[in-house]
């Protein structure tokens, strides 16, 4: 099990000015930021990142959305990072998310759900390495 996870603050949360508040919640939950940058994704990069969903009906819409504006990508570190971060962000559907979670506070819908979080330690490594070279990870 890895003590790292990966997150992206998505374009919807960035557009609405929630990046700082989300980062504050991450810090207050005891995560250490091991790498972070604000960037934009081209459609090609968004498509590559979400390739696992390429056969799903929402794939095209997801790629459009994720390339629609700036995101903040980060590698987070904490014991039990993946599970603890999944609890902090809440359910994909903000209507089902627990009170006080990032998605309950900042997400508008299943599609515009404010933040991405890795679903496994293996994916956290792959996703972090997609955005950051080893020289950028501390």
Protein backbone atom coordinates (compact mmCIF):
# COMPACT_ATOMS: atom_id res chain seq x y z
CA UNK A 1 0.00 0.00 0.00
CA UNK A 2 1.28 3.41 -0.95
CA UNK A 3 1.19 6.40 1.33
CA UNK A 4 0.58 8.62 -1.68
CA UNK A 5 -2.45 9.52 -3.70
CA UNK A 6 -3.13 11.81 -6.62
CA UNK A 7 -5.70 14.56 -7.00
CA UNK A 8 -6.80 17.15 -9.51
CA UNK A 9 -8.88 20.17 -8.66
CA UNK A 10 -11.06 20.22 -11.75
CA UNK A 11 -11.97 23.13 -14.06
CA UNK A 12 -15.37 23.73 -12.43
CA UNK A 13 -13.89 24.26 -8.97
CA UNK A 14 -11.07 26.35 -10.42
CA UNK A 15 -13.51 28.60 -12.33
CA UNK A 16 -15.57 29.13 -9.17
CA UNK A 17 -12.51 30.12 -7.11
CA UNK A 18 -12.53 27.07 -4.80
CA UNK A 19 -8.90 25.99 -5.26
CA UNK A 20 -7.64 27.66 -2.08
CA UNK A 21 -10.45 26.31 0.09
CA UNK A 22 -9.96 22.79 -1.26
CA UNK A 23 -6.20 22.94 -0.65
CA UNK A 24 -6.89 24.17 2.88
CA UNK A 25 -9.17 21.17 3.51
CA UNK A 26 -6.44 18.85 2.19
CA UNK A 27 -3.87 20.43 4.51
CA UNK A 28 -6.20 20.37 7.51
CA UNK A 29 -6.86 16.66 6.88
CA UNK A 30 -3.14 16.01 7.43
CA UNK A 31 -1.95 15.50 3.86
CA UNK A 32 1.51 16.66 2.82
CA UNK A 33 1.76 18.01 -0.71
CA UNK A 34 4.60 16.12 -2.43
CA UNK A 35 4.10 17.78 -5.84
CA UNK A 36 1.70 20.39 -7.17
CA UNK A 37 1.10 22.51 -10.26
CA UNK A 38 -1.62 24.43 -12.00
CA UNK A 39 -1.89 23.59 -15.69
CA UNK A 40 -4.32 23.01 -18.52
CA UNK A 41 -4.98 19.75 -20.30
CA UNK A 42 -5.24 19.53 -24.07
CA UNK A 43 -7.99 17.23 -25.33
CA UNK A 44 -5.26 14.71 -26.19
CA UNK A 45 -3.77 14.81 -22.67
CA UNK A 46 -7.22 14.60 -21.04
CA UNK A 47 -8.08 11.69 -23.33
CA UNK A 48 -4.86 9.90 -22.41
CA UNK A 49 -5.38 10.45 -18.68
CA UNK A 50 -8.94 9.10 -18.83
CA UNK A 51 -8.20 6.36 -21.41
CA UNK A 52 -9.50 3.76 -18.97
CA UNK A 53 -12.99 5.24 -19.60
CA UNK A 54 -12.67 5.45 -23.41
CA UNK A 55 -15.46 2.91 -24.01
CA UNK A 56 -17.87 4.56 -21.56
CA UNK A 57 -20.64 6.81 -22.91
CA UNK A 58 -19.46 9.82 -20.87
CA UNK A 59 -15.85 9.73 -22.15
CA UNK A 60 -16.17 12.47 -24.79
CA UNK A 61 -17.97 14.78 -22.40
CA UNK A 62 -15.35 14.08 -19.71
CA UNK A 63 -12.48 14.92 -22.08
CA UNK A 64 -14.24 18.16 -23.16
CA UNK A 65 -14.84 19.16 -19.56
CA UNK A 66 -11.34 18.36 -18.32
CA UNK A 67 -9.78 20.38 -21.15
CA UNK A 68 -12.13 23.34 -20.64
CA UNK A 69 -9.94 25.26 -18.19
CA UNK A 70 -7.10 25.13 -15.68
CA UNK A 71 -6.71 22.31 -13.18
CA UNK A 72 -4.45 21.91 -10.16
CA UNK A 73 -2.71 18.54 -10.06
CA UNK A 74 -1.11 17.29 -6.86
CA UNK A 75 0.49 14.27 -5.29
CA UNK A 76 -0.53 13.96 -1.65
CA UNK A 77 1.17 12.00 1.08
CA UNK A 78 -0.25 10.58 4.29
CA UNK A 79 -0.57 7.19 5.90
CA UNK A 80 -3.53 5.41 4.24
CA UNK A 81 -3.58 8.23 1.66
CA UNK A 82 -5.91 6.73 -0.96
CA UNK A 83 -8.67 5.69 1.43
CA UNK A 84 -8.41 8.80 3.59
CA UNK A 85 -8.56 11.07 0.54
CA UNK A 86 -11.55 9.19 -0.91
CA UNK A 87 -13.35 9.84 2.39
CA UNK A 88 -12.38 13.52 2.32
CA UNK A 89 -13.68 14.08 -1.21
CA UNK A 90 -16.94 12.15 -0.78
CA UNK A 91 -19.18 10.36 -3.24
CA UNK A 92 -18.89 11.10 -6.98
CA UNK A 93 -22.47 12.34 -6.85
CA UNK A 94 -22.42 15.37 -4.56
CA UNK A 95 -26.07 14.70 -3.63
CA UNK A 96 -24.88 11.44 -2.03
CA UNK A 97 -21.68 12.86 -0.51
CA UNK A 98 -21.37 13.11 3.25
CA UNK A 99 -21.65 16.52 4.88
CA UNK A 100 -18.33 18.32 5.14
CA UNK A 101 -16.72 16.51 2.20
CA UNK A 102 -15.13 18.41 -0.68
CA UNK A 103 -17.77 17.30 -3.18
CA UNK A 104 -20.65 18.10 -0.84
CA UNK A 105 -19.27 21.61 -0.37
CA UNK A 106 -17.98 22.42 -3.88
CA UNK A 107 -19.39 20.06 -6.54
CA UNK A 108 -22.39 20.92 -8.70
CA UNK A 109 -23.14 17.50 -10.24
CA UNK A 110 -21.73 14.06 -11.03
CA UNK A 111 -20.06 15.53 -14.11
CA UNK A 112 -18.79 18.69 -12.43
CA UNK A 113 -17.67 17.14 -9.18
CA UNK A 114 -14.83 19.53 -8.27
CA UNK A 115 -12.01 17.06 -7.66
CA UNK A 116 -10.46 13.80 -8.82
CA UNK A 117 -8.98 11.30 -6.39
CA UNK A 118 -7.11 8.08 -7.17
CA UNK A 119 -9.09 4.91 -6.55
CA UNK A 120 -6.10 2.69 -5.70
CA UNK A 121 -2.45 2.92 -4.68
CA UNK A 122 -1.44 1.56 -8.10
CA UNK A 123 -3.45 4.21 -9.95
CA UNK A 124 -2.12 6.92 -7.63
CA UNK A 125 1.42 6.14 -8.81
CA UNK A 126 0.41 6.02 -12.49
CA UNK A 127 -1.61 9.24 -12.24
CA UNK A 128 1.07 11.10 -10.32
CA UNK A 129 3.72 10.02 -12.82
CA UNK A 130 1.46 11.20 -15.68
CA UNK A 131 1.75 14.80 -14.42
CA UNK A 132 5.07 14.89 -12.57
CA UNK A 133 8.59 13.68 -13.34
CA UNK A 134 10.48 12.07 -10.48
CA UNK A 135 12.47 15.33 -10.17
CA UNK A 136 9.21 17.18 -9.40
CA UNK A 137 8.09 14.78 -6.66
CA UNK A 138 9.34 15.54 -3.16
